C-alpha atoms as a PDB file:
ATOM      1  CA  MET A   1       9.230 -16.847   4.713  1.00  0.00           C
ATOM      2  CA  LEU A   2       8.223 -13.549   3.028  1.00  0.00           C
ATOM      3  CA  LEU A   3       8.907 -10.094   4.499  1.00  0.00           C
ATOM      4  CA  ALA A   4       6.550  -7.292   3.293  1.00  0.00           C
ATOM      5  CA  VAL A   5       7.473  -3.620   3.763  1.00  0.00           C
ATOM      6  CA  ASP A   6       5.157  -0.604   3.168  1.00  0.00           C
ATOM      7  CA  THR A   7       6.450   2.958   3.728  1.00  0.00           C
ATOM      8  CA  SER A   8       4.194   4.761   1.146  1.00  0.00           C
ATOM      9  CA  THR A   9       3.052   7.435   3.569  1.00  0.00           C
ATOM     10  CA  ARG A  10       3.392   8.337   7.206  1.00  0.00           C
ATOM     11  CA  TRP A  11       1.763   4.975   7.857  1.00  0.00           C
ATOM     12  CA  ILE A  12       4.486   2.315   7.974  1.00  0.00           C
ATOM     13  CA  GLY A  13       3.891  -1.460   8.041  1.00  0.00           C
ATOM     14  CA  MET A  14       5.824  -4.657   7.983  1.00  0.00           C
ATOM     15  CA  ALA A  15       4.763  -8.289   8.061  1.00  0.00           C
ATOM     16  CA  PHE A  16       6.122 -11.830   7.951  1.00  0.00           C
ATOM     17  CA  TYR A  17       4.163 -14.453   6.003  1.00  0.00           C
ATOM     18  CA  ASP A  18       4.904 -18.122   5.316  1.00  0.00           C
ATOM     19  CA  GLY A  19       2.079 -18.807   2.930  1.00  0.00           C
ATOM     20  CA  ILE A  20      -0.136 -20.243   5.699  1.00  0.00           C
ATOM     21  CA  GLN A  21      -0.011 -17.736   8.548  1.00  0.00           C
ATOM     22  CA  ILE A  22       0.887 -14.132   9.166  1.00  0.00           C
ATOM     23  CA  LYS A  23       3.768 -14.686  11.632  1.00  0.00           C
ATOM     24  CA  GLY A  24       4.026 -11.114  12.735  1.00  0.00           C
ATOM     25  CA  GLU A  25       2.757  -7.707  11.693  1.00  0.00           C
ATOM     26  CA  VAL A  26       3.427  -4.128  12.896  1.00  0.00           C
ATOM     27  CA  ILE A  27       1.843  -0.863  11.770  1.00  0.00           C
ATOM     28  CA  TRP A  28       2.416   2.606  13.076  1.00  0.00           C
ATOM     29  CA  LYS A  29       2.123   6.290  12.096  1.00  0.00           C
ATOM     30  CA  THR A  30       5.455   8.121  11.964  1.00  0.00           C
ATOM     31  CA  ASN A  31       6.094  11.878  12.250  1.00  0.00           C
ATOM     32  CA  ASN A  32       8.240  11.719   9.137  1.00  0.00           C
ATOM     33  CA  HIS A  33      10.912   9.709  10.907  1.00  0.00           C
ATOM     34  CA  HIS A  34      11.013   6.824   8.464  1.00  0.00           C
ATOM     35  CA  THR A  35      14.831   6.763   8.321  1.00  0.00           C
ATOM     36  CA  VAL A  36      15.491   6.420  12.049  1.00  0.00           C
ATOM     37  CA  GLU A  37      12.427   4.175  12.878  1.00  0.00           C
ATOM     38  CA  LEU A  38      12.249   1.663   9.992  1.00  0.00           C
ATOM     39  CA  ALA A  39      15.380  -0.541  10.629  1.00  0.00           C
ATOM     40  CA  PRO A  40      15.011  -0.735  14.484  1.00  0.00           C
ATOM     41  CA  ALA A  41      11.406  -1.709  14.052  1.00  0.00           C
ATOM     42  CA  LEU A  42      12.317  -4.434  11.636  1.00  0.00           C
ATOM     43  CA  ASP A  43      14.983  -5.699  14.025  1.00  0.00           C
ATOM     44  CA  GLN A  44      12.352  -5.835  16.829  1.00  0.00           C
ATOM     45  CA  LEU A  45       9.885  -7.691  14.589  1.00  0.00           C
ATOM     46  CA  PHE A  46      12.588 -10.312  13.759  1.00  0.00           C
ATOM     47  CA  THR A  47      13.195 -10.792  17.459  1.00  0.00           C
ATOM     48  CA  ARG A  48       9.564 -10.909  18.526  1.00  0.00           C
ATOM     49  CA  CYS A  49       8.783 -13.415  15.891  1.00  0.00           C
ATOM     50  CA  ALA A  50      11.884 -15.488  16.408  1.00  0.00           C
ATOM     51  CA  ILE A  51      12.731 -15.177  12.706  1.00  0.00           C
ATOM     52  CA  THR A  52      16.198 -14.554  11.209  1.00  0.00           C
ATOM     53  CA  SER A  53      17.247 -13.237   7.824  1.00  0.00           C
ATOM     54  CA  ALA A  54      18.183 -16.899   6.973  1.00  0.00           C
ATOM     55  CA  ASP A  55      14.546 -17.774   7.079  1.00  0.00           C
ATOM     56  CA  LEU A  56      13.602 -15.292   4.354  1.00  0.00           C
ATOM     57  CA  LYS A  57      12.888 -16.570   0.811  1.00  0.00           C
ATOM     58  CA  VAL A  58      11.427 -13.471  -0.792  1.00  0.00           C
ATOM     59  CA  LEU A  59      10.886  -9.662  -0.104  1.00  0.00           C
ATOM     60  CA  ALA A  60       7.851  -7.540  -0.976  1.00  0.00           C
ATOM     61  CA  VAL A  61       7.579  -3.805  -1.018  1.00  0.00           C
ATOM     62  CA  ALA A  62       4.823  -1.310  -1.612  1.00  0.00           C
ATOM     63  CA  LEU A  63       5.581   0.861  -4.665  1.00  0.00           C
ATOM     64  CA  GLY A  64       3.209   3.826  -4.188  1.00  0.00           C
ATOM     65  CA  PRO A  65       1.881   6.198  -5.159  1.00  0.00           C
ATOM     66  CA  GLY A  66       2.903   7.990  -1.979  1.00  0.00           C
ATOM     67  CA  SER A  67       5.495  10.311  -0.454  1.00  0.00           C
ATOM     68  CA  PHE A  68       8.682  10.686  -2.599  1.00  0.00           C
ATOM     69  CA  THR A  69      10.987  10.403   0.482  1.00  0.00           C
ATOM     70  CA  SER A  70       9.061   7.632   2.316  1.00  0.00           C
ATOM     71  CA  LEU A  71       8.834   5.463  -0.691  1.00  0.00           C
ATOM     72  CA  ARG A  72      12.516   5.719  -1.375  1.00  0.00           C
ATOM     73  CA  ILE A  73      13.401   4.792   2.182  1.00  0.00           C
ATOM     74  CA  GLY A  74      11.331   1.640   2.064  1.00  0.00           C
ATOM     75  CA  LEU A  75      12.545   0.649  -1.335  1.00  0.00           C
ATOM     76  CA  ALA A  76      16.163   1.286  -0.345  1.00  0.00           C
ATOM     77  CA  LEU A  77      15.845  -1.014   2.700  1.00  0.00           C
ATOM     78  CA  VAL A  78      14.261  -3.790   0.630  1.00  0.00           C
ATOM     79  CA  LYS A  79      16.748  -3.496  -2.234  1.00  0.00           C
ATOM     80  CA  GLY A  80      19.712  -3.533   0.227  1.00  0.00           C
ATOM     81  CA  MET A  81      18.424  -6.680   1.862  1.00  0.00           C
ATOM     82  CA  ALA A  82      17.775  -8.245  -1.554  1.00  0.00           C
ATOM     83  CA  LEU A  83      21.299  -7.687  -2.693  1.00  0.00           C
ATOM     84  CA  ALA A  84      22.910  -8.648   0.646  1.00  0.00           C
ATOM     85  CA  LEU A  85      20.860 -11.826   1.075  1.00  0.00           C
ATOM     86  CA  HIS A  86      20.470 -12.699  -2.539  1.00  0.00           C
ATOM     87  CA  LEU A  87      16.678 -12.673  -2.430  1.00  0.00           C
ATOM     88  CA  PRO A  88      14.120 -12.040  -5.092  1.00  0.00           C
ATOM     89  CA  VAL A  89      11.831  -8.903  -4.761  1.00  0.00           C
ATOM     90  CA  ILE A  90       8.237  -8.326  -5.639  1.00  0.00           C
ATOM     91  CA  GLY A  91       6.764  -4.800  -5.952  1.00  0.00           C
ATOM     92  CA  VAL A  92       3.123  -4.164  -5.417  1.00  0.00           C
ATOM     93  CA  PRO A  93       1.162  -0.891  -5.983  1.00  0.00           C
ATOM     94  CA  SER A  94       0.112   0.505  -2.565  1.00  0.00           C
ATOM     95  CA  LEU A  95      -3.526   1.043  -3.448  1.00  0.00           C
ATOM     96  CA  ASP A  96      -3.823  -2.629  -4.619  1.00  0.00           C
ATOM     97  CA  VAL A  97      -2.913  -3.610  -1.041  1.00  0.00           C
ATOM     98  CA  LEU A  98      -5.790  -1.398   0.284  1.00  0.00           C
ATOM     99  CA  ALA A  99      -8.276  -2.688  -2.310  1.00  0.00           C
ATOM    100  CA  ALA A 100      -7.473  -6.374  -1.507  1.00  0.00           C
ATOM    101  CA  ALA A 101      -8.659  -5.806   2.103  1.00  0.00           C
ATOM    102  CA  GLN A 102     -12.151  -4.525   1.093  1.00  0.00           C
ATOM    103  CA  PRO A 103     -15.305  -6.719   0.905  1.00  0.00           C
ATOM    104  CA  VAL A 104     -16.441  -7.867  -2.423  1.00  0.00           C
ATOM    105  CA  GLN A 105     -19.275  -5.717  -3.616  1.00  0.00           C
ATOM    106  CA  ASP A 106     -20.917  -5.267  -7.038  1.00  0.00           C
ATOM    107  CA  MET A 107     -20.056  -1.606  -7.242  1.00  0.00           C
ATOM    108  CA  PRO A 108     -17.033   0.536  -7.991  1.00  0.00           C
ATOM    109  CA  LEU A 109     -14.283   0.986  -5.369  1.00  0.00           C
ATOM    110  CA  ALA A 110     -12.247   4.225  -5.032  1.00  0.00           C
ATOM    111  CA  ALA A 111      -9.027   3.651  -3.055  1.00  0.00           C
ATOM    112  CA  VAL A 112      -7.109   6.780  -1.903  1.00  0.00           C
ATOM    113  CA  LEU A 113      -4.131   7.876   0.189  1.00  0.00           C
ATOM    114  CA  GLN A 114      -2.735  11.292   1.163  1.00  0.00           C
ATOM    115  CA  ALA A 115      -0.727  12.882  -1.615  1.00  0.00           C
ATOM    116  CA  GLY A 116       0.119  16.203   0.089  1.00  0.00           C
ATOM    117  CA  ARG A 117      -1.157  19.723  -0.209  1.00  0.00           C
ATOM    118  CA  GLY A 118      -4.634  18.595   0.758  1.00  0.00           C
ATOM    119  CA  ARG A 119      -4.976  16.156  -2.223  1.00  0.00           C
ATOM    120  CA  LEU A 120      -5.542  12.523  -2.563  1.00  0.00           C
ATOM    121  CA  ALA A 121      -3.976   9.904  -4.793  1.00  0.00           C
ATOM    122  CA  LEU A 122      -6.823   7.899  -6.366  1.00  0.00           C
ATOM    123  CA  VAL A 123      -7.283   4.585  -8.195  1.00  0.00           C
ATOM    124  CA  TYR A 124     -10.595   3.082  -9.094  1.00  0.00           C
ATOM    125  CA  TYR A 125     -11.199  -0.700  -8.876  1.00  0.00           C
ATOM    126  CA  ARG A 126     -13.917  -2.976 -10.159  1.00  0.00           C
ATOM    127  CA  LEU A 127     -14.620  -6.645  -9.633  1.00  0.00           C
ATOM    128  CA  HIS A 128     -12.979  -9.067 -11.997  1.00  0.00           C
ATOM    129  CA  ARG A 129     -13.468 -12.758 -11.377  1.00  0.00           C
ATOM    130  CA  GLY A 130     -14.372 -12.203  -7.791  1.00  0.00           C
ATOM    131  CA  LYS A 131     -11.492  -9.879  -6.951  1.00  0.00           C
ATOM    132  CA  TRP A 132     -10.804  -6.144  -7.081  1.00  0.00           C
ATOM    133  CA  LYS A 133      -8.804  -5.150 -10.186  1.00  0.00           C
ATOM    134  CA  ALA A 134      -7.491  -1.569 -10.972  1.00  0.00           C
ATOM    135  CA  ASP A 135      -9.830   0.204 -13.394  1.00  0.00           C
ATOM    136  CA  SER A 136      -7.862   3.392 -13.744  1.00  0.00           C
ATOM    137  CA  GLN A 137      -4.384   4.852 -13.648  1.00  0.00           C
ATOM    138  CA  PRO A 138      -3.307   6.631 -10.480  1.00  0.00           C
ATOM    139  CA  GLU A 139      -4.217  10.280 -10.397  1.00  0.00           C
ATOM    140  CA  VAL A 140      -4.209  13.076  -7.866  1.00  0.00           C
ATOM    141  CA  VAL A 141      -7.465  14.991  -7.037  1.00  0.00           C
ATOM    142  CA  THR A 142      -8.722  17.380  -4.457  1.00  0.00           C
ATOM    143  CA  THR A 143     -11.298  15.999  -1.989  1.00  0.00           C
ATOM    144  CA  SER A 144     -13.925  18.338  -3.249  1.00  0.00           C
ATOM    145  CA  THR A 145     -13.338  17.202  -6.920  1.00  0.00           C
ATOM    146  CA  LEU A 146     -13.512  13.544  -5.872  1.00  0.00           C
ATOM    147  CA  ALA A 147     -16.776  14.178  -4.036  1.00  0.00           C
ATOM    148  CA  GLY A 148     -18.332  15.303  -7.311  1.00  0.00           C
ATOM    149  CA  LEU A 149     -17.253  12.327  -9.295  1.00  0.00           C
ATOM    150  CA  PHE A 150     -19.493   9.678  -7.758  1.00  0.00           C
ATOM    151  CA  GLU A 151     -22.488   9.332 -10.057  1.00  0.00           C
ATOM    152  CA  GLU A 152     -23.310   5.840  -8.758  1.00  0.00           C
ATOM    153  CA  PRO A 153     -22.904   4.114  -5.392  1.00  0.00           C
ATOM    154  CA  THR A 154     -19.145   3.800  -4.846  1.00  0.00           C
ATOM    155  CA  MET A 155     -17.131   2.354  -1.980  1.00  0.00           C
ATOM    156  CA  VAL A 156     -14.382   4.698  -0.796  1.00  0.00           C
ATOM    157  CA  CYS A 157     -11.474   3.495   1.354  1.00  0.00           C
ATOM    158  CA  GLY A 158      -7.978   4.718   2.375  1.00  0.00           C
ATOM    159  CA  GLU A 159      -6.300   7.512   4.285  1.00  0.00           C
ATOM    160  CA  MET A 160      -8.870  10.265   4.850  1.00  0.00           C
ATOM    161  CA  THR A 161      -8.846  13.164   7.262  1.00  0.00           C
ATOM    162  CA  ALA A 162     -11.957  14.184   9.213  1.00  0.00           C
ATOM    163  CA  ASP A 163     -12.400  16.958   6.633  1.00  0.00           C
ATOM    164  CA  ASP A 164     -12.074  14.543   3.817  1.00  0.00           C
ATOM    165  CA  ARG A 165     -14.706  12.241   5.286  1.00  0.00           C
ATOM    166  CA  HIS A 166     -17.034  15.164   5.856  1.00  0.00           C
ATOM    167  CA  THR A 167     -16.659  16.488   2.335  1.00  0.00           C
ATOM    168  CA  LEU A 168     -17.068  13.082   0.666  1.00  0.00           C
ATOM    169  CA  SER A 169     -20.072  12.136   2.863  1.00  0.00           C
ATOM    170  CA  GLU A 170     -22.030  15.054   1.270  1.00  0.00           C
ATOM    171  CA  ASN A 171     -22.331  12.936  -1.793  1.00  0.00           C
ATOM    172  CA  PRO A 172     -24.886  10.147  -1.015  1.00  0.00           C
ATOM    173  CA  ASN A 173     -23.171   7.887  -3.531  1.00  0.00           C
ATOM    174  CA  ALA A 174     -20.002   7.833  -1.531  1.00  0.00           C
ATOM    175  CA  ILE A 175     -20.017   4.811   0.805  1.00  0.00           C
ATOM    176  CA  LEU A 176     -17.180   5.441   3.151  1.00  0.00           C
ATOM    177  CA  MET A 177     -15.401   2.435   4.650  1.00  0.00           C
ATOM    178  CA  SER A 178     -14.528   2.526   8.300  1.00  0.00           C
ATOM    179  CA  PRO A 179     -11.085   3.781   9.460  1.00  0.00           C
ATOM    180  CA  ALA A 180     -10.107   0.276  10.447  1.00  0.00           C
ATOM    181  CA  ALA A 181     -11.021  -0.992   6.959  1.00  0.00           C
ATOM    182  CA  SER A 182      -9.101   1.981   5.421  1.00  0.00           C
ATOM    183  CA  LEU A 183      -5.788   1.110   7.008  1.00  0.00           C
ATOM    184  CA  ARG A 184      -3.207  -0.423   4.550  1.00  0.00           C
ATOM    185  CA  ARG A 185      -2.120  -3.595   6.233  1.00  0.00           C
ATOM    186  CA  PRO A 186       1.272  -5.155   5.262  1.00  0.00           C
ATOM    187  CA  SER A 187      -0.343  -8.594   5.711  1.00  0.00           C
ATOM    188  CA  TYR A 188      -2.379  -7.971   2.528  1.00  0.00           C
ATOM    189  CA  LEU A 189       0.777  -6.789   0.779  1.00  0.00           C
ATOM    190  CA  ALA A 190       2.363 -10.103   1.875  1.00  0.00           C
ATOM    191  CA  ALA A 191      -0.570 -12.128   0.601  1.00  0.00           C
ATOM    192  CA  LEU A 192      -0.615 -10.441  -2.816  1.00  0.00           C
ATOM    193  CA  ALA A 193       3.180 -10.895  -3.164  1.00  0.00           C
ATOM    194  CA  TRP A 194       3.017 -14.499  -2.082  1.00  0.00           C
ATOM    195  CA  LYS A 195       0.757 -15.328  -5.106  1.00  0.00           C
ATOM    196  CA  ARG A 196       3.441 -13.878  -7.400  1.00  0.00           C
ATOM    197  CA  TYR A 197       6.180 -15.732  -5.510  1.00  0.00           C
ATOM    198  CA  GLN A 198       4.442 -18.940  -6.176  1.00  0.00           C
ATOM    199  CA  SER A 199       4.364 -18.099  -9.908  1.00  0.00           C
ATOM    200  CA  ARG A 200       7.935 -16.918  -9.762  1.00  0.00           C
ATOM    201  CA  LYS A 201       7.021 -13.481 -11.048  1.00  0.00           C
ATOM    202  CA  PHE A 202       9.753 -11.426  -9.616  1.00  0.00           C
ATOM    203  CA  ASP A 203      10.936  -7.814 -10.356  1.00  0.00           C
ATOM    204  CA  GLU A 204      14.376  -6.781 -11.304  1.00  0.00           C
ATOM    205  CA  VAL A 205      15.971  -5.290  -8.195  1.00  0.00           C
ATOM    206  CA  ALA A 206      18.076  -2.690  -9.992  1.00  0.00           C
ATOM    207  CA  SER A 207      15.224  -1.297 -12.107  1.00  0.00           C
ATOM    208  CA  LEU A 208      12.483  -1.464  -9.461  1.00  0.00           C
ATOM    209  CA  SER A 209      11.301   2.122  -8.749  1.00  0.00           C
ATOM    210  CA  PRO A 210       8.474   3.793  -6.887  1.00  0.00           C
ATOM    211  CA  ILE A 211       5.271   5.116  -8.502  1.00  0.00           C
ATOM    212  CA  TYR A 212       5.351   8.923  -8.174  1.00  0.00           C
ATOM    213  CA  LEU A 213       2.650  11.347  -9.131  1.00  0.00           C
ATOM    214  CA  HIS A 214       2.791  15.007 -10.140  1.00  0.00           C
ATOM    215  CA  LEU A 215       0.614  16.907  -7.798  1.00  0.00           C
ATOM    216  CA  ASN A 216      -0.630  19.305 -10.455  1.00  0.00           C
ATOM    217  CA  THR A 217      -1.635  16.768 -13.117  1.00  0.00           C
ATOM    218  CA  GLY A 218      -1.706  13.357 -11.560  1.00  0.00           C
ATOM    219  CA  THR A 219       0.505  11.974 -14.272  1.00  0.00           C
ATOM    220  CA  PRO A 220       2.815   9.211 -13.184  1.00  0.00           C
ATOM    221  CA  VAL A 221       6.471  10.153 -13.365  1.00  0.00           C
END
């Protein structure tokens, strides 16, 4: 059994996956109460799914970009479980999770999430052997700047406010995915991590760290 945890932003998600079925999944938006909500929610998910820690074989965690504090809370939980239960860990970039859920189209994909101060963290993706593959490094942009970047039809998915959607829709090349398709689901995080689990491509627990971005330059820290 694989446990996937994503606390990249105010949207928190967790899922259990056994390689065949998603055994349980929970997603909610917190009001910056990650610390007090995460562990109890995980306990409840264990109970609802009739799963115990002894059933776990591997852990997966979203690495960001995202909020400095929320990323650290999720990573601390997963690292603590890994050390206590002697389990391997797999880290997955948060926007890869979002891209994996999008329909395959022969056009670029821009995946975004809220980066604070009215800005968006952005990664571009293109099709590679029938799957979305990152085509850029993470960067931080304003919504108005992003709206001016689309010179060809481009799918746009991820956390967007009503103002973000309005601004981006002014560019006819921006094809906005629905809010439902723009929600990062931990079940996709689990599926991506499971493939690495099967290949035994694990991360070092001690050195695993979140992907942070400078808000002024977009350069990864």
